[in-house]
PDB file of N, CA and C in Angstrom:
ATOM      1  N   UNK A   1      84.992  -8.098  -3.029  1.00  0.00           N
ATOM      2  CA  UNK A   1      84.274  -7.889  -4.265  1.00  0.00           C
ATOM      3  C   UNK A   1      83.761  -6.453  -4.293  1.00  0.00           C
ATOM      4  N   UNK A   2      83.999  -5.747  -5.375  1.00  0.00           N
ATOM      5  CA  UNK A   2      83.547  -4.358  -5.458  1.00  0.00           C
ATOM      6  C   UNK A   2      82.217  -4.270  -6.183  1.00  0.00           C
ATOM      7  N   UNK A   3      81.461  -3.264  -5.797  1.00  0.00           N
ATOM      8  CA  UNK A   3      80.172  -3.030  -6.446  1.00  0.00           C
ATOM      9  C   UNK A   3      80.363  -2.112  -7.638  1.00  0.00           C
ATOM     10  N   UNK A   4      79.640  -2.394  -8.692  1.00  0.00           N
ATOM     11  CA  UNK A   4      79.653  -1.521  -9.863  1.00  0.00           C
ATOM     12  C   UNK A   4      78.392  -0.680  -9.836  1.00  0.00           C
ATOM     13  N   UNK A   5      78.549   0.596 -10.032  1.00  0.00           N
ATOM     14  CA  UNK A   5      77.407   1.511 -10.048  1.00  0.00           C
ATOM     15  C   UNK A   5      77.344   2.210 -11.398  1.00  0.00           C
ATOM     16  N   UNK A   6      76.137   2.350 -11.889  1.00  0.00           N
ATOM     17  CA  UNK A   6      75.951   3.144 -13.090  1.00  0.00           C
ATOM     18  C   UNK A   6      76.066   4.609 -12.709  1.00  0.00           C
ATOM     19  N   UNK A   7      76.634   5.417 -13.588  1.00  0.00           N
ATOM     20  CA  UNK A   7      76.690   6.853 -13.281  1.00  0.00           C
ATOM     21  C   UNK A   7      75.280   7.412 -13.169  1.00  0.00           C
ATOM     22  N   UNK A   8      75.077   8.258 -12.209  1.00  0.00           N
ATOM     23  CA  UNK A   8      73.773   8.860 -12.005  1.00  0.00           C
ATOM     24  C   UNK A   8      73.766  10.225 -12.663  1.00  0.00           C
ATOM     25  N   UNK A   9      72.892  10.403 -13.651  1.00  0.00           N
ATOM     26  CA  UNK A   9      72.804  11.658 -14.384  1.00  0.00           C
ATOM     27  C   UNK A   9      71.546  12.383 -13.937  1.00  0.00           C
ATOM     28  N   UNK A  10      71.716  13.471 -13.200  1.00  0.00           N
ATOM     29  CA  UNK A  10      70.579  14.213 -12.679  1.00  0.00           C
ATOM     30  C   UNK A  10      69.770  14.802 -13.814  1.00  0.00           C
ATOM     31  N   UNK A  11      70.436  15.411 -14.758  1.00  0.00           N
ATOM     32  CA  UNK A  11      69.742  16.020 -15.883  1.00  0.00           C
ATOM     33  C   UNK A  11      70.713  16.210 -17.025  1.00  0.00           C
ATOM     34  N   UNK A  12      70.267  15.875 -18.198  1.00  0.00           N
ATOM     35  CA  UNK A  12      71.123  16.102 -19.353  1.00  0.00           C
ATOM     36  C   UNK A  12      70.788  17.430 -20.015  1.00  0.00           C
ATOM     37  N   UNK A  13      69.820  18.153 -19.485  1.00  0.00           N
ATOM     38  CA  UNK A  13      69.442  19.439 -20.048  1.00  0.00           C
ATOM     39  C   UNK A  13      70.519  20.471 -19.736  1.00  0.00           C
ATOM     40  N   UNK A  14      70.780  21.368 -20.681  1.00  0.00           N
ATOM     41  CA  UNK A  14      71.772  22.420 -20.441  1.00  0.00           C
ATOM     42  C   UNK A  14      71.346  23.320 -19.276  1.00  0.00           C
ATOM     43  N   UNK A  15      72.326  23.914 -18.629  1.00  0.00           N
ATOM     44  CA  UNK A  15      72.032  24.788 -17.496  1.00  0.00           C
ATOM     45  C   UNK A  15      72.353  26.254 -17.797  1.00  0.00           C
ATOM     46  N   UNK A  16      72.923  26.509 -18.987  1.00  0.00           N
ATOM     47  CA  UNK A  16      73.199  27.874 -19.426  1.00  0.00           C
ATOM     48  C   UNK A  16      72.808  28.001 -20.897  1.00  0.00           C
ATOM     49  N   UNK A  17      72.626  29.230 -21.360  1.00  0.00           N
ATOM     50  CA  UNK A  17      72.331  29.429 -22.785  1.00  0.00           C
ATOM     51  C   UNK A  17      73.472  28.919 -23.653  1.00  0.00           C
ATOM     52  N   UNK A  18      74.694  29.110 -23.199  1.00  0.00           N
ATOM     53  CA  UNK A  18      75.856  28.620 -23.948  1.00  0.00           C
ATOM     54  C   UNK A  18      75.774  27.102 -24.125  1.00  0.00           C
ATOM     55  N   UNK A  19      75.260  26.421 -23.118  1.00  0.00           N
ATOM     56  CA  UNK A  19      75.121  24.977 -23.174  1.00  0.00           C
ATOM     57  C   UNK A  19      74.132  24.494 -24.222  1.00  0.00           C
ATOM     58  N   UNK A  20      73.247  25.361 -24.660  1.00  0.00           N
ATOM     59  CA  UNK A  20      72.270  24.999 -25.683  1.00  0.00           C
ATOM     60  C   UNK A  20      72.868  25.018 -27.085  1.00  0.00           C
ATOM     61  N   UNK A  21      73.940  25.774 -27.270  1.00  0.00           N
ATOM     62  CA  UNK A  21      74.443  26.046 -28.615  1.00  0.00           C
ATOM     63  C   UNK A  21      75.041  24.848 -29.336  1.00  0.00           C
ATOM     64  N   UNK A  22      75.640  23.925 -28.645  1.00  0.00           N
ATOM     65  CA  UNK A  22      76.297  22.795 -29.302  1.00  0.00           C
ATOM     66  C   UNK A  22      75.499  21.506 -29.226  1.00  0.00           C
ATOM     67  N   UNK A  23      74.237  21.612 -28.950  1.00  0.00           N
ATOM     68  CA  UNK A  23      73.386  20.426 -28.888  1.00  0.00           C
ATOM     69  C   UNK A  23      72.711  20.192 -30.241  1.00  0.00           C
ATOM     70  N   UNK A  24      72.385  18.949 -30.530  1.00  0.00           N
ATOM     71  CA  UNK A  24      71.747  18.623 -31.813  1.00  0.00           C
ATOM     72  C   UNK A  24      70.387  19.289 -31.974  1.00  0.00           C
ATOM     73  N   UNK A  25      69.713  19.591 -30.879  1.00  0.00           N
ATOM     74  CA  UNK A  25      68.421  20.260 -31.014  1.00  0.00           C
ATOM     75  C   UNK A  25      68.568  21.730 -31.419  1.00  0.00           C
ATOM     76  N   UNK A  26      69.800  22.244 -31.454  1.00  0.00           N
ATOM     77  CA  UNK A  26      70.043  23.609 -31.926  1.00  0.00           C
ATOM     78  C   UNK A  26      70.428  23.627 -33.408  1.00  0.00           C
ATOM     79  N   UNK A  27      70.590  22.451 -34.006  1.00  0.00           N
ATOM     80  CA  UNK A  27      70.885  22.368 -35.437  1.00  0.00           C
ATOM     81  C   UNK A  27      69.634  22.683 -36.242  1.00  0.00           C
ATOM     82  N   UNK A  28      69.835  23.146 -37.467  1.00  0.00           N
ATOM     83  CA  UNK A  28      68.688  23.391 -38.338  1.00  0.00           C
ATOM     84  C   UNK A  28      68.151  22.052 -38.848  1.00  0.00           C
ATOM     85  N   UNK A  29      66.897  22.054 -39.230  1.00  0.00           N
ATOM     86  CA  UNK A  29      66.280  20.843 -39.773  1.00  0.00           C
ATOM     87  C   UNK A  29      66.998  20.419 -41.052  1.00  0.00           C
ATOM     88  N   UNK A  30      67.395  21.401 -41.864  1.00  0.00           N
ATOM     89  CA  UNK A  30      68.032  21.093 -43.142  1.00  0.00           C
ATOM     90  C   UNK A  30      69.431  20.498 -42.995  1.00  0.00           C
ATOM     91  N   UNK A  31      70.028  20.634 -41.823  1.00  0.00           N
ATOM     92  CA  UNK A  31      71.367  20.073 -41.605  1.00  0.00           C
ATOM     93  C   UNK A  31      71.332  18.552 -41.571  1.00  0.00           C
ATOM     94  N   UNK A  32      70.173  18.010 -41.282  1.00  0.00           N
ATOM     95  CA  UNK A  32      70.048  16.558 -41.148  1.00  0.00           C
ATOM     96  C   UNK A  32      70.507  16.053 -39.793  1.00  0.00           C
ATOM     97  N   UNK A  33      70.919  16.962 -38.907  1.00  0.00           N
ATOM     98  CA  UNK A  33      71.420  16.577 -37.593  1.00  0.00           C
ATOM     99  C   UNK A  33      70.537  17.091 -36.454  1.00  0.00           C
ATOM    100  N   UNK A  34      69.344  17.541 -36.792  1.00  0.00           N
ATOM    101  CA  UNK A  34      68.429  18.032 -35.767  1.00  0.00           C
ATOM    102  C   UNK A  34      67.866  16.861 -34.963  1.00  0.00           C
ATOM    103  N   UNK A  35      67.814  17.028 -33.651  1.00  0.00           N
ATOM    104  CA  UNK A  35      67.153  16.060 -32.769  1.00  0.00           C
ATOM    105  C   UNK A  35      66.111  16.800 -31.949  1.00  0.00           C
ATOM    106  N   UNK A  36      65.008  16.153 -31.727  1.00  0.00           N
ATOM    107  CA  UNK A  36      63.908  16.724 -30.950  1.00  0.00           C
ATOM    108  C   UNK A  36      64.368  17.030 -29.521  1.00  0.00           C
ATOM    109  N   UNK A  37      64.048  18.219 -28.996  1.00  0.00           N
ATOM    110  CA  UNK A  37      64.396  18.508 -27.601  1.00  0.00           C
ATOM    111  C   UNK A  37      63.538  17.667 -26.658  1.00  0.00           C
ATOM    112  N   UNK A  38      64.070  17.370 -25.501  1.00  0.00           N
ATOM    113  CA  UNK A  38      63.308  16.630 -24.492  1.00  0.00           C
ATOM    114  C   UNK A  38      62.461  17.606 -23.684  1.00  0.00           C
ATOM    115  N   UNK A  39      61.484  17.103 -22.946  1.00  0.00           N
ATOM    116  CA  UNK A  39      60.731  17.981 -22.046  1.00  0.00           C
ATOM    117  C   UNK A  39      61.657  18.736 -21.081  1.00  0.00           C
ATOM    118  N   UNK A  40      62.720  18.077 -20.612  1.00  0.00           N
ATOM    119  CA  UNK A  40      63.673  18.734 -19.709  1.00  0.00           C
ATOM    120  C   UNK A  40      64.398  19.879 -20.406  1.00  0.00           C
ATOM    121  N   UNK A  41      64.697  19.719 -21.686  1.00  0.00           N
ATOM    122  CA  UNK A  41      65.350  20.785 -22.447  1.00  0.00           C
ATOM    123  C   UNK A  41      64.434  22.002 -22.562  1.00  0.00           C
ATOM    124  N   UNK A  42      63.171  21.755 -22.820  1.00  0.00           N
ATOM    125  CA  UNK A  42      62.201  22.844 -22.948  1.00  0.00           C
ATOM    126  C   UNK A  42      62.055  23.574 -21.617  1.00  0.00           C
ATOM    127  N   UNK A  43      61.917  22.815 -20.538  1.00  0.00           N
ATOM    128  CA  UNK A  43      61.813  23.427 -19.200  1.00  0.00           C
ATOM    129  C   UNK A  43      63.074  24.215 -18.856  1.00  0.00           C
ATOM    130  N   UNK A  44      64.246  23.658 -19.226  1.00  0.00           N
ATOM    131  CA  UNK A  44      65.511  24.328 -18.914  1.00  0.00           C
ATOM    132  C   UNK A  44      65.606  25.671 -19.628  1.00  0.00           C
ATOM    133  N   UNK A  45      65.257  25.717 -20.916  1.00  0.00           N
ATOM    134  CA  UNK A  45      65.306  26.979 -21.642  1.00  0.00           C
ATOM    135  C   UNK A  45      64.343  27.983 -21.027  1.00  0.00           C
ATOM    136  N   UNK A  46      63.163  27.522 -20.712  1.00  0.00           N
ATOM    137  CA  UNK A  46      62.156  28.405 -20.104  1.00  0.00           C
ATOM    138  C   UNK A  46      62.659  28.940 -18.771  1.00  0.00           C
ATOM    139  N   UNK A  47      63.268  28.096 -17.975  1.00  0.00           N
ATOM    140  CA  UNK A  47      63.780  28.500 -16.672  1.00  0.00           C
ATOM    141  C   UNK A  47      64.929  29.500 -16.798  1.00  0.00           C
ATOM    142  N   UNK A  48      65.887  29.203 -17.663  1.00  0.00           N
ATOM    143  CA  UNK A  48      67.037  30.086 -17.860  1.00  0.00           C
ATOM    144  C   UNK A  48      66.588  31.471 -18.310  1.00  0.00           C
ATOM    145  N   UNK A  49      65.595  31.510 -19.188  1.00  0.00           N
ATOM    146  CA  UNK A  49      65.129  32.785 -19.715  1.00  0.00           C
ATOM    147  C   UNK A  49      64.143  33.488 -18.775  1.00  0.00           C
ATOM    148  N   UNK A  50      63.672  32.780 -17.755  1.00  0.00           N
ATOM    149  CA  UNK A  50      62.709  33.376 -16.838  1.00  0.00           C
ATOM    150  C   UNK A  50      61.321  33.493 -17.437  1.00  0.00           C
ATOM    151  N   UNK A  51      61.022  32.640 -18.412  1.00  0.00           N
ATOM    152  CA  UNK A  51      59.731  32.670 -19.086  1.00  0.00           C
ATOM    153  C   UNK A  51      58.732  31.776 -18.373  1.00  0.00           C
ATOM    154  N   UNK A  52      57.515  32.246 -18.264  1.00  0.00           N
ATOM    155  CA  UNK A  52      56.416  31.412 -17.781  1.00  0.00           C
ATOM    156  C   UNK A  52      55.888  30.603 -18.964  1.00  0.00           C
ATOM    157  N   UNK A  53      55.015  29.648 -18.693  1.00  0.00           N
ATOM    158  CA  UNK A  53      54.376  28.911 -19.780  1.00  0.00           C
ATOM    159  C   UNK A  53      53.589  29.872 -20.670  1.00  0.00           C
ATOM    160  N   UNK A  54      52.963  30.860 -20.061  1.00  0.00           N
ATOM    161  CA  UNK A  54      52.205  31.850 -20.825  1.00  0.00           C
ATOM    162  C   UNK A  54      53.131  32.648 -21.732  1.00  0.00           C
ATOM    163  N   UNK A  55      54.299  33.040 -21.226  1.00  0.00           N
ATOM    164  CA  UNK A  55      55.273  33.761 -22.050  1.00  0.00           C
ATOM    165  C   UNK A  55      55.650  32.941 -23.277  1.00  0.00           C
ATOM    166  N   UNK A  56      55.958  31.664 -23.060  1.00  0.00           N
ATOM    167  CA  UNK A  56      56.343  30.784 -24.164  1.00  0.00           C
ATOM    168  C   UNK A  56      55.208  30.678 -25.170  1.00  0.00           C
ATOM    169  N   UNK A  57      53.993  30.503 -24.677  1.00  0.00           N
ATOM    170  CA  UNK A  57      52.831  30.394 -25.564  1.00  0.00           C
ATOM    171  C   UNK A  57      52.665  31.653 -26.412  1.00  0.00           C
ATOM    172  N   UNK A  58      52.841  32.801 -25.799  1.00  0.00           N
ATOM    173  CA  UNK A  58      52.721  34.057 -26.545  1.00  0.00           C
ATOM    174  C   UNK A  58      53.821  34.203 -27.587  1.00  0.00           C
ATOM    175  N   UNK A  59      55.037  33.793 -27.253  1.00  0.00           N
ATOM    176  CA  UNK A  59      56.167  33.903 -28.181  1.00  0.00           C
ATOM    177  C   UNK A  59      55.932  33.063 -29.430  1.00  0.00           C
ATOM    178  N   UNK A  60      55.443  31.836 -29.248  1.00  0.00           N
ATOM    179  CA  UNK A  60      55.310  30.926 -30.396  1.00  0.00           C
ATOM    180  C   UNK A  60      53.905  30.881 -30.986  1.00  0.00           C
ATOM    181  N   UNK A  61      52.964  31.553 -30.341  1.00  0.00           N
ATOM    182  CA  UNK A  61      51.620  31.667 -30.917  1.00  0.00           C
ATOM    183  C   UNK A  61      50.708  30.480 -30.680  1.00  0.00           C
ATOM    184  N   UNK A  62      50.795  29.865 -29.496  1.00  0.00           N
ATOM    185  CA  UNK A  62      49.854  28.802 -29.153  1.00  0.00           C
ATOM    186  C   UNK A  62      48.920  29.307 -28.053  1.00  0.00           C
ATOM    187  N   UNK A  63      47.882  28.553 -27.773  1.00  0.00           N
ATOM    188  CA  UNK A  63      46.854  29.004 -26.830  1.00  0.00           C
ATOM    189  C   UNK A  63      47.380  29.102 -25.401  1.00  0.00           C
ATOM    190  N   UNK A  64      46.798  30.033 -24.657  1.00  0.00           N
ATOM    191  CA  UNK A  64      47.160  30.256 -23.266  1.00  0.00           C
ATOM    192  C   UNK A  64      45.990  30.939 -22.569  1.00  0.00           C
ATOM    193  N   UNK A  65      46.017  30.914 -21.254  1.00  0.00           N
ATOM    194  CA  UNK A  65      45.034  31.657 -20.466  1.00  0.00           C
ATOM    195  C   UNK A  65      45.717  32.141 -19.193  1.00  0.00           C
ATOM    196  N   UNK A  66      44.950  32.651 -18.261  1.00  0.00           N
ATOM    197  CA  UNK A  66      45.533  33.207 -17.040  1.00  0.00           C
ATOM    198  C   UNK A  66      46.238  32.161 -16.174  1.00  0.00           C
ATOM    199  N   UNK A  67      45.980  30.892 -16.393  1.00  0.00           N
ATOM    200  CA  UNK A  67      46.622  29.824 -15.618  1.00  0.00           C
ATOM    201  C   UNK A  67      47.896  29.304 -16.268  1.00  0.00           C
ATOM    202  N   UNK A  68      48.123  29.612 -17.525  1.00  0.00           N
ATOM    203  CA  UNK A  68      49.283  29.090 -18.243  1.00  0.00           C
ATOM    204  C   UNK A  68      48.891  28.619 -19.624  1.00  0.00           C
ATOM    205  N   UNK A  69      49.511  27.559 -20.085  1.00  0.00           N
ATOM    206  CA  UNK A  69      49.249  27.025 -21.414  1.00  0.00           C
ATOM    207  C   UNK A  69      49.235  25.503 -21.378  1.00  0.00           C
ATOM    208  N   UNK A  70      48.121  24.935 -21.762  1.00  0.00           N
ATOM    209  CA  UNK A  70      48.007  23.477 -21.839  1.00  0.00           C
ATOM    210  C   UNK A  70      48.992  22.931 -22.873  1.00  0.00           C
ATOM    211  N   UNK A  71      49.147  23.655 -23.966  1.00  0.00           N
ATOM    212  CA  UNK A  71      50.059  23.213 -25.027  1.00  0.00           C
ATOM    213  C   UNK A  71      51.489  23.120 -24.497  1.00  0.00           C
ATOM    214  N   UNK A  72      51.960  24.171 -23.844  1.00  0.00           N
ATOM    215  CA  UNK A  72      53.325  24.179 -23.311  1.00  0.00           C
ATOM    216  C   UNK A  72      53.469  23.113 -22.225  1.00  0.00           C
ATOM    217  N   UNK A  73      52.458  22.964 -21.383  1.00  0.00           N
ATOM    218  CA  UNK A  73      52.505  21.938 -20.340  1.00  0.00           C
ATOM    219  C   UNK A  73      52.701  20.558 -20.964  1.00  0.00           C
ATOM    220  N   UNK A  74      52.011  20.277 -22.060  1.00  0.00           N
ATOM    221  CA  UNK A  74      52.130  18.968 -22.722  1.00  0.00           C
ATOM    222  C   UNK A  74      53.514  18.779 -23.335  1.00  0.00           C
ATOM    223  N   UNK A  75      54.144  19.858 -23.797  1.00  0.00           N
ATOM    224  CA  UNK A  75      55.511  19.759 -24.319  1.00  0.00           C
ATOM    225  C   UNK A  75      56.467  19.384 -23.210  1.00  0.00           C
ATOM    226  N   UNK A  76      56.163  19.827 -21.992  1.00  0.00           N
ATOM    227  CA  UNK A  76      57.045  19.602 -20.853  1.00  0.00           C
ATOM    228  C   UNK A  76      56.697  18.341 -20.061  1.00  0.00           C
ATOM    229  N   UNK A  77      55.677  17.645 -20.477  1.00  0.00           N
ATOM    230  CA  UNK A  77      55.277  16.401 -19.813  1.00  0.00           C
ATOM    231  C   UNK A  77      56.199  15.268 -20.253  1.00  0.00           C
ATOM    232  N   UNK A  78      56.524  14.375 -19.346  1.00  0.00           N
ATOM    233  CA  UNK A  78      57.412  13.238 -19.648  1.00  0.00           C
ATOM    234  C   UNK A  78      56.925  12.478 -20.877  1.00  0.00           C
ATOM    235  N   UNK A  79      57.878  12.025 -21.673  1.00  0.00           N
ATOM    236  CA  UNK A  79      57.546  11.365 -22.941  1.00  0.00           C
ATOM    237  C   UNK A  79      56.788  10.060 -22.767  1.00  0.00           C
ATOM    238  N   UNK A  80      56.863   9.453 -21.597  1.00  0.00           N
ATOM    239  CA  UNK A  80      56.150   8.197 -21.379  1.00  0.00           C
ATOM    240  C   UNK A  80      54.707   8.406 -20.918  1.00  0.00           C
ATOM    241  N   UNK A  81      54.282   9.635 -20.790  1.00  0.00           N
ATOM    242  CA  UNK A  81      52.907   9.945 -20.373  1.00  0.00           C
ATOM    243  C   UNK A  81      52.033  10.166 -21.600  1.00  0.00           C
ATOM    244  N   UNK A  82      50.771   9.734 -21.545  1.00  0.00           N
ATOM    245  CA  UNK A  82      49.895   9.901 -22.713  1.00  0.00           C
ATOM    246  C   UNK A  82      49.613  11.364 -23.075  1.00  0.00           C
ATOM    247  N   UNK A  83      49.769  12.284 -22.126  1.00  0.00           N
ATOM    248  CA  UNK A  83      49.505  13.702 -22.391  1.00  0.00           C
ATOM    249  C   UNK A  83      50.636  14.375 -23.170  1.00  0.00           C
ATOM    250  N   UNK A  84      51.813  13.744 -23.204  1.00  0.00           N
ATOM    251  CA  UNK A  84      52.977  14.357 -23.853  1.00  0.00           C
ATOM    252  C   UNK A  84      52.708  14.636 -25.331  1.00  0.00           C
ATOM    253  N   UNK A  85      53.173  15.807 -25.772  1.00  0.00           N
ATOM    254  CA  UNK A  85      53.157  16.166 -27.184  1.00  0.00           C
ATOM    255  C   UNK A  85      54.523  16.727 -27.531  1.00  0.00           C
ATOM    256  N   UNK A  86      54.996  16.435 -28.722  1.00  0.00           N
ATOM    257  CA  UNK A  86      56.275  16.982 -29.176  1.00  0.00           C
ATOM    258  C   UNK A  86      56.090  18.439 -29.565  1.00  0.00           C
ATOM    259  N   UNK A  87      57.070  19.261 -29.244  1.00  0.00           N
ATOM    260  CA  UNK A  87      57.066  20.646 -29.681  1.00  0.00           C
ATOM    261  C   UNK A  87      57.399  20.664 -31.171  1.00  0.00           C
ATOM    262  N   UNK A  88      56.736  21.514 -31.929  1.00  0.00           N
ATOM    263  CA  UNK A  88      57.027  21.592 -33.357  1.00  0.00           C
ATOM    264  C   UNK A  88      58.412  22.207 -33.567  1.00  0.00           C
ATOM    265  N   UNK A  89      59.024  21.864 -34.673  1.00  0.00           N
ATOM    266  CA  UNK A  89      60.336  22.419 -34.997  1.00  0.00           C
ATOM    267  C   UNK A  89      60.262  23.943 -35.030  1.00  0.00           C
ATOM    268  N   UNK A  90      59.218  24.485 -35.662  1.00  0.00           N
ATOM    269  CA  UNK A  90      59.141  25.941 -35.801  1.00  0.00           C
ATOM    270  C   UNK A  90      58.982  26.631 -34.449  1.00  0.00           C
ATOM    271  N   UNK A  91      58.205  26.048 -33.541  1.00  0.00           N
ATOM    272  CA  UNK A  91      58.051  26.635 -32.205  1.00  0.00           C
ATOM    273  C   UNK A  91      59.382  26.580 -31.450  1.00  0.00           C
ATOM    274  N   UNK A  92      60.057  25.443 -31.494  1.00  0.00           N
ATOM    275  CA  UNK A  92      61.332  25.291 -30.798  1.00  0.00           C
ATOM    276  C   UNK A  92      62.378  26.246 -31.372  1.00  0.00           C
ATOM    277  N   UNK A  93      62.461  26.308 -32.685  1.00  0.00           N
ATOM    278  CA  UNK A  93      63.444  27.179 -33.331  1.00  0.00           C
ATOM    279  C   UNK A  93      63.166  28.643 -32.992  1.00  0.00           C
ATOM    280  N   UNK A  94      61.873  29.005 -32.942  1.00  0.00           N
ATOM    281  CA  UNK A  94      61.498  30.359 -32.559  1.00  0.00           C
ATOM    282  C   UNK A  94      61.956  30.699 -31.149  1.00  0.00           C
ATOM    283  N   UNK A  95      61.814  29.755 -30.230  1.00  0.00           N
ATOM    284  CA  UNK A  95      62.273  29.978 -28.856  1.00  0.00           C
ATOM    285  C   UNK A  95      63.790  30.125 -28.800  1.00  0.00           C
ATOM    286  N   UNK A  96      64.502  29.284 -29.547  1.00  0.00           N
ATOM    287  CA  UNK A  96      65.961  29.384 -29.575  1.00  0.00           C
ATOM    288  C   UNK A  96      66.411  30.717 -30.163  1.00  0.00           C
ATOM    289  N   UNK A  97      65.715  31.188 -31.197  1.00  0.00           N
ATOM    290  CA  UNK A  97      66.040  32.501 -31.783  1.00  0.00           C
ATOM    291  C   UNK A  97      65.792  33.609 -30.777  1.00  0.00           C
ATOM    292  N   UNK A  98      64.637  33.576 -30.130  1.00  0.00           N
ATOM    293  CA  UNK A  98      64.287  34.611 -29.148  1.00  0.00           C
ATOM    294  C   UNK A  98      65.271  34.634 -27.985  1.00  0.00           C
ATOM    295  N   UNK A  99      65.789  33.463 -27.612  1.00  0.00           N
ATOM    296  CA  UNK A  99      66.742  33.362 -26.511  1.00  0.00           C
ATOM    297  C   UNK A  99      68.162  33.744 -26.937  1.00  0.00           C
ATOM    298  N   UNK A 100      68.396  33.863 -28.246  1.00  0.00           N
ATOM    299  CA  UNK A 100      69.728  34.203 -28.728  1.00  0.00           C
ATOM    300  C   UNK A 100      70.655  33.012 -28.873  1.00  0.00           C
ATOM    301  N   UNK A 101      70.104  31.814 -28.805  1.00  0.00           N
ATOM    302  CA  UNK A 101      70.916  30.603 -28.955  1.00  0.00           C
ATOM    303  C   UNK A 101      71.306  30.409 -30.417  1.00  0.00           C
ATOM    304  N   UNK A 102      70.390  30.670 -31.327  1.00  0.00           N
ATOM    305  CA  UNK A 102      70.655  30.617 -32.756  1.00  0.00           C
ATOM    306  C   UNK A 102      70.314  31.978 -33.346  1.00  0.00           C
ATOM    307  N   UNK A 103      70.899  32.294 -34.486  1.00  0.00           N
ATOM    308  CA  UNK A 103      70.673  33.621 -35.059  1.00  0.00           C
ATOM    309  C   UNK A 103      69.751  33.616 -36.254  1.00  0.00           C
ATOM    310  N   UNK A 104      69.455  32.449 -36.778  1.00  0.00           N
ATOM    311  CA  UNK A 104      68.545  32.400 -37.925  1.00  0.00           C
ATOM    312  C   UNK A 104      67.501  31.325 -37.709  1.00  0.00           C
ATOM    313  N   UNK A 105      66.371  31.571 -38.266  1.00  0.00           N
ATOM    314  CA  UNK A 105      65.259  30.641 -38.105  1.00  0.00           C
ATOM    315  C   UNK A 105      65.462  29.494 -39.048  1.00  0.00           C
TER     316      UNK A 105
END
């Protein structure tokens, strides 16, 4: 008798900027095909770009201090945690524009 195993997916977040371009979270809101990025997607973009939480906060105009940004931390918190907050479309789109993933806001 053989065992059946579910495929193990380490991360569905893109690992390159090119990988961000064909994802639904890179679609415009008006396309009707936009999907909210996951916390892993946000962390992946930040990591690829070499941005700190403070850098991200400064780019999108949310609060930050010398320790980082509570707002960005909450965007990157797992969705099943009470601290999690969704990143706004405008903040996410701004990050994608700054990273060169999309060319228009």
